[in-house]
All heavy atoms as atom14 arrays in JSON, in Angstrom:
{
  "sequence": "CAASGSIGTIYTMAWYRQAPGKQRELVANIPSGTSTNYA",
  "atom14_mask": [
    [1, 1, 1, 1, 1, 1, 0, 0, 0, 0, 0, 0, 0, 0],
    [1, 1, 1, 1, 1, 0, 0, 0, 0, 0, 0, 0, 0, 0],
    [1, 1, 1, 1, 1, 0, 0, 0, 0, 0, 0, 0, 0, 0],
    [1, 1, 1, 1, 1, 1, 0, 0, 0, 0, 0, 0, 0, 0],
    [1, 1, 1, 1, 0, 0, 0, 0, 0, 0, 0, 0, 0, 0],
    [1, 1, 1, 1, 1, 1, 0, 0, 0, 0, 0, 0, 0, 0],
    [1, 1, 1, 1, 1, 1, 1, 1, 0, 0, 0, 0, 0, 0],
    [1, 1, 1, 1, 0, 0, 0, 0, 0, 0, 0, 0, 0, 0],
    [1, 1, 1, 1, 1, 1, 1, 0, 0, 0, 0, 0, 0, 0],
    [1, 1, 1, 1, 1, 1, 1, 1, 0, 0, 0, 0, 0, 0],
    [1, 1, 1, 1, 1, 1, 1, 1, 1, 1, 1, 1, 0, 0],
    [1, 1, 1, 1, 1, 1, 1, 0, 0, 0, 0, 0, 0, 0],
    [1, 1, 1, 1, 1, 1, 1, 1, 0, 0, 0, 0, 0, 0],
    [1, 1, 1, 1, 1, 0, 0, 0, 0, 0, 0, 0, 0, 0],
    [1, 1, 1, 1, 1, 1, 1, 1, 1, 1, 1, 1, 1, 1],
    [1, 1, 1, 1, 1, 1, 1, 1, 1, 1, 1, 1, 0, 0],
    [1, 1, 1, 1, 1, 1, 1, 1, 1, 1, 1, 0, 0, 0],
    [1, 1, 1, 1, 1, 1, 1, 1, 1, 0, 0, 0, 0, 0],
    [1, 1, 1, 1, 1, 0, 0, 0, 0, 0, 0, 0, 0, 0],
    [1, 1, 1, 1, 1, 1, 1, 0, 0, 0, 0, 0, 0, 0],
    [1, 1, 1, 1, 0, 0, 0, 0, 0, 0, 0, 0, 0, 0],
    [1, 1, 1, 1, 1, 1, 1, 1, 1, 0, 0, 0, 0, 0],
    [1, 1, 1, 1, 1, 1, 1, 1, 1, 0, 0, 0, 0, 0],
    [1, 1, 1, 1, 1, 1, 1, 1, 1, 1, 1, 0, 0, 0],
    [1, 1, 1, 1, 1, 1, 1, 1, 1, 0, 0, 0, 0, 0],
    [1, 1, 1, 1, 1, 1, 1, 1, 0, 0, 0, 0, 0, 0],
    [1, 1, 1, 1, 1, 1, 1, 0, 0, 0, 0, 0, 0, 0],
    [1, 1, 1, 1, 1, 0, 0, 0, 0, 0, 0, 0, 0, 0],
    [1, 1, 1, 1, 1, 1, 1, 1, 0, 0, 0, 0, 0, 0],
    [1, 1, 1, 1, 1, 1, 1, 1, 0, 0, 0, 0, 0, 0],
    [1, 1, 1, 1, 1, 1, 1, 0, 0, 0, 0, 0, 0, 0],
    [1, 1, 1, 1, 1, 1, 0, 0, 0, 0, 0, 0, 0, 0],
    [1, 1, 1, 1, 0, 0, 0, 0, 0, 0, 0, 0, 0, 0],
    [1, 1, 1, 1, 1, 1, 1, 0, 0, 0, 0, 0, 0, 0],
    [1, 1, 1, 1, 1, 1, 0, 0, 0, 0, 0, 0, 0, 0],
    [1, 1, 1, 1, 1, 1, 1, 0, 0, 0, 0, 0, 0, 0],
    [1, 1, 1, 1, 1, 1, 1, 1, 0, 0, 0, 0, 0, 0],
    [1, 1, 1, 1, 1, 1, 1, 1, 1, 1, 1, 1, 0, 0],
    [1, 1, 1, 1, 1, 0, 0, 0, 0, 0, 0, 0, 0, 0]
  ],
  "atom14_positions": [
    [[89.31, 109.71, 102.56], [88.85, 110.68, 103.54], [88.12, 111.79, 102.81], [88.72, 112.5, 102.0], [90.03, 111.24, 104.34], [89.59, 112.59, 105.46], [0.0, 0.0, 0.0], [0.0, 0.0, 0.0], [0.0, 0.0, 0.0], [0.0, 0.0, 0.0], [0.0, 0.0, 0.0], [0.0, 0.0, 0.0], [0.0, 0.0, 0.0], [0.0, 0.0, 0.0]],
    [[86.84, 111.95, 103.11], [86.01, 112.96, 102.47], [85.66, 114.06, 103.45], [85.18, 113.79, 104.56], [84.73, 112.32, 101.92], [0.0, 0.0, 0.0], [0.0, 0.0, 0.0], [0.0, 0.0, 0.0], [0.0, 0.0, 0.0], [0.0, 0.0, 0.0], [0.0, 0.0, 0.0], [0.0, 0.0, 0.0], [0.0, 0.0, 0.0], [0.0, 0.0, 0.0]],
    [[85.89, 115.3, 103.06], [85.54, 116.45, 103.87], [84.15, 116.95, 103.49], [83.78, 116.97, 102.32], [86.56, 117.57, 103.69], [0.0, 0.0, 0.0], [0.0, 0.0, 0.0], [0.0, 0.0, 0.0], [0.0, 0.0, 0.0], [0.0, 0.0, 0.0], [0.0, 0.0, 0.0], [0.0, 0.0, 0.0], [0.0, 0.0, 0.0], [0.0, 0.0, 0.0]],
    [[83.39, 117.35, 104.49], [82.06, 117.89, 104.24], [81.73, 118.96, 105.28], [82.41, 119.07, 106.3], [81.0, 116.78, 104.28], [80.94, 116.18, 105.56], [0.0, 0.0, 0.0], [0.0, 0.0, 0.0], [0.0, 0.0, 0.0], [0.0, 0.0, 0.0], [0.0, 0.0, 0.0], [0.0, 0.0, 0.0], [0.0, 0.0, 0.0], [0.0, 0.0, 0.0]],
    [[80.68, 119.73, 105.02], [80.27, 120.78, 105.93], [80.52, 122.16, 105.36], [80.42, 122.37, 104.16], [0.0, 0.0, 0.0], [0.0, 0.0, 0.0], [0.0, 0.0, 0.0], [0.0, 0.0, 0.0], [0.0, 0.0, 0.0], [0.0, 0.0, 0.0], [0.0, 0.0, 0.0], [0.0, 0.0, 0.0], [0.0, 0.0, 0.0], [0.0, 0.0, 0.0]],
    [[80.86, 123.1, 106.23], [81.01, 124.5, 105.85], [82.39, 124.77, 105.28], [83.23, 125.45, 105.88], [80.72, 125.4, 107.05], [79.41, 125.19, 107.55], [0.0, 0.0, 0.0], [0.0, 0.0, 0.0], [0.0, 0.0, 0.0], [0.0, 0.0, 0.0], [0.0, 0.0, 0.0], [0.0, 0.0, 0.0], [0.0, 0.0, 0.0], [0.0, 0.0, 0.0]],
    [[82.62, 124.25, 104.09], [83.93, 124.34, 103.44], [83.97, 125.52, 102.48], [83.14, 125.62, 101.58], [84.26, 123.05, 102.68], [84.33, 121.87, 103.66], [85.56, 123.2, 101.91], [84.42, 120.53, 102.97], [0.0, 0.0, 0.0], [0.0, 0.0, 0.0], [0.0, 0.0, 0.0], [0.0, 0.0, 0.0], [0.0, 0.0, 0.0], [0.0, 0.0, 0.0]],
    [[84.94, 126.39, 102.68], [85.2, 127.46, 101.73], [86.28, 127.04, 100.75], [86.03, 126.9, 99.56], [0.0, 0.0, 0.0], [0.0, 0.0, 0.0], [0.0, 0.0, 0.0], [0.0, 0.0, 0.0], [0.0, 0.0, 0.0], [0.0, 0.0, 0.0], [0.0, 0.0, 0.0], [0.0, 0.0, 0.0], [0.0, 0.0, 0.0], [0.0, 0.0, 0.0]],
    [[87.48, 126.8, 101.27], [88.61, 126.37, 100.46], [89.42, 125.34, 101.22], [89.68, 125.51, 102.41], [89.53, 127.56, 100.11], [88.77, 128.6, 99.49], [90.64, 127.12, 99.16], [0.0, 0.0, 0.0], [0.0, 0.0, 0.0], [0.0, 0.0, 0.0], [0.0, 0.0, 0.0], [0.0, 0.0, 0.0], [0.0, 0.0, 0.0], [0.0, 0.0, 0.0]],
    [[89.78, 124.26, 100.56], [90.67, 123.26, 101.15], [92.08, 123.49, 100.63], [92.31, 123.51, 99.42], [90.22, 121.83, 100.82], [88.8, 121.58, 101.34], [91.19, 120.82, 101.43], [88.29, 120.17, 101.06], [0.0, 0.0, 0.0], [0.0, 0.0, 0.0], [0.0, 0.0, 0.0], [0.0, 0.0, 0.0], [0.0, 0.0, 0.0], [0.0, 0.0, 0.0]],
    [[92.99, 123.65, 101.55], [94.4, 123.82, 101.19], [95.09, 122.45, 101.31], [94.67, 121.5, 100.65], [95.03, 124.9, 102.06], [94.34, 126.24, 101.88], [93.37, 126.67, 102.78], [94.61, 127.05, 100.78], [92.71, 127.89, 102.6], [93.96, 128.25, 100.6], [93.01, 128.67, 101.51], [92.35, 129.87, 101.33], [0.0, 0.0, 0.0], [0.0, 0.0, 0.0]],
    [[96.1, 122.32, 102.14], [96.81, 121.05, 102.24], [95.95, 119.98, 102.89], [95.27, 120.22, 103.88], [98.1, 121.23, 103.05], [98.95, 122.15, 102.38], [98.83, 119.9, 103.22], [0.0, 0.0, 0.0], [0.0, 0.0, 0.0], [0.0, 0.0, 0.0], [0.0, 0.0, 0.0], [0.0, 0.0, 0.0], [0.0, 0.0, 0.0], [0.0, 0.0, 0.0]],
    [[95.98, 118.77, 102.32], [95.39, 117.6, 102.93], [96.53, 116.62, 103.22], [97.55, 116.61, 102.53], [94.35, 116.95, 102.02], [93.25, 117.91, 101.59], [91.91, 117.13, 100.65], [90.92, 116.45, 102.0], [0.0, 0.0, 0.0], [0.0, 0.0, 0.0], [0.0, 0.0, 0.0], [0.0, 0.0, 0.0], [0.0, 0.0, 0.0], [0.0, 0.0, 0.0]],
    [[96.35, 115.8, 104.26], [97.45, 114.96, 104.71], [96.96, 113.72, 105.43], [95.81, 113.65, 105.88], [98.38, 115.75, 105.64], [0.0, 0.0, 0.0], [0.0, 0.0, 0.0], [0.0, 0.0, 0.0], [0.0, 0.0, 0.0], [0.0, 0.0, 0.0], [0.0, 0.0, 0.0], [0.0, 0.0, 0.0], [0.0, 0.0, 0.0], [0.0, 0.0, 0.0]],
    [[97.86, 112.75, 105.52], [97.65, 111.56, 106.35], [98.76, 111.48, 107.39], [99.94, 111.64, 107.06], [97.67, 110.28, 105.51], [96.47, 110.11, 104.63], [96.35, 110.46, 103.33], [95.21, 109.55, 105.02], [95.09, 110.14, 102.86], [94.37, 109.59, 103.88], [94.71, 109.02, 106.2], [93.06, 109.12, 103.9], [93.4, 108.55, 106.22], [92.6, 108.6, 105.08]],
    [[98.37, 111.24, 108.63], [99.29, 110.97, 109.72], [99.02, 109.57, 110.25], [97.99, 108.97, 109.97], [99.09, 111.98, 110.86], [99.55, 113.39, 110.56], [98.8, 114.23, 109.76], [100.74, 113.88, 111.1], [99.21, 115.53, 109.49], [101.16, 115.17, 110.83], [100.39, 116.0, 110.04], [100.8, 117.29, 109.78], [0.0, 0.0, 0.0], [0.0, 0.0, 0.0]],
    [[99.95, 109.05, 111.04], [99.72, 107.77, 111.69], [100.4, 107.76, 113.05], [101.36, 108.48, 113.3], [100.21, 106.6, 110.84], [101.72, 106.5, 110.69], [102.09, 105.37, 109.73], [103.52, 105.23, 109.58], [104.11, 104.41, 108.72], [103.37, 103.66, 107.91], [105.44, 104.34, 108.65], [0.0, 0.0, 0.0], [0.0, 0.0, 0.0], [0.0, 0.0, 0.0]],
    [[99.88, 106.91, 113.92], [100.45, 106.72, 115.24], [100.45, 105.24, 115.57], [99.39, 104.63, 115.7], [99.69, 107.51, 116.3], [100.35, 107.48, 117.67], [99.79, 108.52, 118.61], [98.71, 109.07, 118.38], [100.51, 108.81, 119.67], [0.0, 0.0, 0.0], [0.0, 0.0, 0.0], [0.0, 0.0, 0.0], [0.0, 0.0, 0.0], [0.0, 0.0, 0.0]],
    [[101.64, 104.68, 115.7], [101.8, 103.28, 116.08], [101.82, 103.17, 117.6], [102.13, 104.14, 118.3], [103.08, 102.72, 115.48], [0.0, 0.0, 0.0], [0.0, 0.0, 0.0], [0.0, 0.0, 0.0], [0.0, 0.0, 0.0], [0.0, 0.0, 0.0], [0.0, 0.0, 0.0], [0.0, 0.0, 0.0], [0.0, 0.0, 0.0], [0.0, 0.0, 0.0]],
    [[101.53, 101.99, 118.14], [101.54, 101.8, 119.59], [102.88, 102.2, 120.2], [103.94, 101.77, 119.73], [101.28, 100.31, 119.76], [100.51, 99.92, 118.53], [101.11, 100.76, 117.44], [0.0, 0.0, 0.0], [0.0, 0.0, 0.0], [0.0, 0.0, 0.0], [0.0, 0.0, 0.0], [0.0, 0.0, 0.0], [0.0, 0.0, 0.0], [0.0, 0.0, 0.0]],
    [[102.84, 103.04, 121.23], [104.04, 103.45, 121.92], [104.9, 104.46, 121.19], [106.01, 104.75, 121.66], [0.0, 0.0, 0.0], [0.0, 0.0, 0.0], [0.0, 0.0, 0.0], [0.0, 0.0, 0.0], [0.0, 0.0, 0.0], [0.0, 0.0, 0.0], [0.0, 0.0, 0.0], [0.0, 0.0, 0.0], [0.0, 0.0, 0.0], [0.0, 0.0, 0.0]],
    [[104.42, 105.0, 120.08], [105.21, 105.95, 119.3], [104.47, 107.27, 119.13], [103.26, 107.36, 119.35], [105.54, 105.37, 117.93], [106.38, 104.11, 117.96], [106.78, 103.66, 116.57], [107.72, 104.67, 115.92], [108.17, 104.21, 114.58], [0.0, 0.0, 0.0], [0.0, 0.0, 0.0], [0.0, 0.0, 0.0], [0.0, 0.0, 0.0], [0.0, 0.0, 0.0]],
    [[105.21, 108.29, 118.74], [104.64, 109.6, 118.47], [103.89, 109.58, 117.14], [104.2, 108.8, 116.24], [105.73, 110.66, 118.42], [106.46, 110.9, 119.73], [105.59, 111.62, 120.72], [105.09, 111.03, 121.68], [105.4, 112.92, 120.52], [0.0, 0.0, 0.0], [0.0, 0.0, 0.0], [0.0, 0.0, 0.0], [0.0, 0.0, 0.0], [0.0, 0.0, 0.0]],
    [[102.91, 110.47, 117.03], [102.23, 110.65, 115.75], [103.21, 111.21, 114.73], [104.01, 112.1, 115.04], [101.04, 111.59, 115.92], [100.18, 111.73, 114.66], [99.11, 112.78, 114.85], [99.68, 114.11, 115.01], [98.98, 115.21, 115.27], [97.66, 115.13, 115.42], [99.59, 116.38, 115.38], [0.0, 0.0, 0.0], [0.0, 0.0, 0.0], [0.0, 0.0, 0.0]],
    [[103.15, 110.71, 113.51], [104.06, 111.16, 112.47], [103.32, 111.43, 111.17], [102.29, 110.81, 110.88], [105.16, 110.12, 112.23], [104.64, 108.8, 111.67], [105.76, 107.82, 111.33], [106.94, 108.21, 111.37], [105.43, 106.66, 111.01], [0.0, 0.0, 0.0], [0.0, 0.0, 0.0], [0.0, 0.0, 0.0], [0.0, 0.0, 0.0], [0.0, 0.0, 0.0]],
    [[103.86, 112.35, 110.4], [103.32, 112.63, 109.08], [103.69, 111.5, 108.13], [104.86, 111.13, 108.03], [103.87, 113.96, 108.55], [103.46, 114.33, 107.12], [101.97, 114.63, 107.04], [104.27, 115.53, 106.64], [0.0, 0.0, 0.0], [0.0, 0.0, 0.0], [0.0, 0.0, 0.0], [0.0, 0.0, 0.0], [0.0, 0.0, 0.0], [0.0, 0.0, 0.0]],
    [[102.71, 110.98, 107.43], [102.93, 109.95, 106.42], [103.11, 110.59, 105.05], [104.07, 110.3, 104.33], [101.77, 108.94, 106.38], [101.98, 107.91, 105.27], [101.63, 108.24, 107.73], [0.0, 0.0, 0.0], [0.0, 0.0, 0.0], [0.0, 0.0, 0.0], [0.0, 0.0, 0.0], [0.0, 0.0, 0.0], [0.0, 0.0, 0.0], [0.0, 0.0, 0.0]],
    [[102.18, 111.45, 104.67], [102.22, 112.12, 103.38], [101.29, 113.32, 103.4], [100.32, 113.33, 104.15], [101.8, 111.17, 102.25], [0.0, 0.0, 0.0], [0.0, 0.0, 0.0], [0.0, 0.0, 0.0], [0.0, 0.0, 0.0], [0.0, 0.0, 0.0], [0.0, 0.0, 0.0], [0.0, 0.0, 0.0], [0.0, 0.0, 0.0], [0.0, 0.0, 0.0]],
    [[101.6, 114.32, 102.6], [100.66, 115.41, 102.41], [100.62, 115.83, 100.95], [101.5, 115.47, 100.16], [100.92, 116.6, 103.35], [102.2, 117.36, 103.05], [102.76, 117.28, 101.96], [102.66, 118.11, 104.05], [0.0, 0.0, 0.0], [0.0, 0.0, 0.0], [0.0, 0.0, 0.0], [0.0, 0.0, 0.0], [0.0, 0.0, 0.0], [0.0, 0.0, 0.0]],
    [[99.58, 116.59, 100.62], [99.36, 117.0, 99.23], [98.79, 118.41, 99.23], [97.58, 118.62, 99.32], [98.46, 115.97, 98.5], [98.26, 116.37, 97.04], [97.14, 115.74, 99.22], [97.7, 115.22, 96.19], [0.0, 0.0, 0.0], [0.0, 0.0, 0.0], [0.0, 0.0, 0.0], [0.0, 0.0, 0.0], [0.0, 0.0, 0.0], [0.0, 0.0, 0.0]],
    [[99.67, 119.41, 99.15], [99.21, 120.8, 99.14], [98.35, 121.15, 97.93], [97.51, 122.04, 98.01], [100.52, 121.6, 99.12], [101.54, 120.66, 99.68], [101.14, 119.31, 99.17], [0.0, 0.0, 0.0], [0.0, 0.0, 0.0], [0.0, 0.0, 0.0], [0.0, 0.0, 0.0], [0.0, 0.0, 0.0], [0.0, 0.0, 0.0], [0.0, 0.0, 0.0]],
    [[98.55, 120.44, 96.83], [97.78, 120.65, 95.61], [97.65, 119.32, 94.89], [98.11, 118.29, 95.39], [98.44, 121.7, 94.71], [99.63, 121.19, 94.15], [0.0, 0.0, 0.0], [0.0, 0.0, 0.0], [0.0, 0.0, 0.0], [0.0, 0.0, 0.0], [0.0, 0.0, 0.0], [0.0, 0.0, 0.0], [0.0, 0.0, 0.0], [0.0, 0.0, 0.0]],
    [[97.05, 119.36, 93.72], [96.91, 118.14, 92.95], [98.19, 117.64, 92.33], [98.23, 116.51, 91.82], [0.0, 0.0, 0.0], [0.0, 0.0, 0.0], [0.0, 0.0, 0.0], [0.0, 0.0, 0.0], [0.0, 0.0, 0.0], [0.0, 0.0, 0.0], [0.0, 0.0, 0.0], [0.0, 0.0, 0.0], [0.0, 0.0, 0.0], [0.0, 0.0, 0.0]],
    [[99.25, 118.45, 92.36], [100.51, 118.07, 91.74], [101.66, 117.95, 92.72], [102.61, 117.19, 92.48], [100.91, 119.08, 90.65], [101.01, 120.39, 91.22], [99.86, 119.09, 89.54], [0.0, 0.0, 0.0], [0.0, 0.0, 0.0], [0.0, 0.0, 0.0], [0.0, 0.0, 0.0], [0.0, 0.0, 0.0], [0.0, 0.0, 0.0], [0.0, 0.0, 0.0]],
    [[101.62, 118.67, 93.82], [102.69, 118.65, 94.8], [102.39, 117.6, 95.88], [101.28, 117.56, 96.41], [102.84, 120.02, 95.45], [103.84, 120.01, 96.46], [0.0, 0.0, 0.0], [0.0, 0.0, 0.0], [0.0, 0.0, 0.0], [0.0, 0.0, 0.0], [0.0, 0.0, 0.0], [0.0, 0.0, 0.0], [0.0, 0.0, 0.0], [0.0, 0.0, 0.0]],
    [[103.38, 116.76, 96.19], [103.22, 115.74, 97.22], [104.5, 115.63, 98.04], [105.59, 115.93, 97.56], [102.89, 114.37, 96.63], [103.93, 113.97, 95.73], [101.56, 114.39, 95.88], [0.0, 0.0, 0.0], [0.0, 0.0, 0.0], [0.0, 0.0, 0.0], [0.0, 0.0, 0.0], [0.0, 0.0, 0.0], [0.0, 0.0, 0.0], [0.0, 0.0, 0.0]],
    [[104.36, 115.16, 99.28], [105.48, 114.92, 100.17], [105.25, 113.63, 100.92], [104.11, 113.32, 101.29], [105.65, 116.08, 101.17], [105.87, 117.41, 100.49], [106.97, 117.7, 100.02], [104.83, 118.22, 100.41], [0.0, 0.0, 0.0], [0.0, 0.0, 0.0], [0.0, 0.0, 0.0], [0.0, 0.0, 0.0], [0.0, 0.0, 0.0], [0.0, 0.0, 0.0]],
    [[106.32, 112.87, 101.17], [106.22, 111.58, 101.82], [107.28, 111.41, 102.88], [108.4, 111.91, 102.74], [106.39, 110.43, 100.81], [105.33, 110.38, 99.75], [105.52, 111.02, 98.53], [104.14, 109.69, 99.95], [104.54, 110.97, 97.54], [103.17, 109.63, 98.97], [103.38, 110.28, 97.77], [102.4, 110.23, 96.79], [0.0, 0.0, 0.0], [0.0, 0.0, 0.0]],
    [[106.92, 110.69, 103.94], [107.92, 110.25, 104.89], [108.86, 109.26, 104.2], [108.44, 108.5, 103.33], [107.26, 109.58, 106.09], [0.0, 0.0, 0.0], [0.0, 0.0, 0.0], [0.0, 0.0, 0.0], [0.0, 0.0, 0.0], [0.0, 0.0, 0.0], [0.0, 0.0, 0.0], [0.0, 0.0, 0.0], [0.0, 0.0, 0.0], [0.0, 0.0, 0.0]]
  ]
}
């Protein structure tokens, strides 16, 4: 996933997913190049 346009600073980036019939959920995020979180 590539961000483009009028970008000043990017903070946390993340992936979510939504399966059929289910709520959207956080899969993983990355607040920085070293910190990560996972479902």
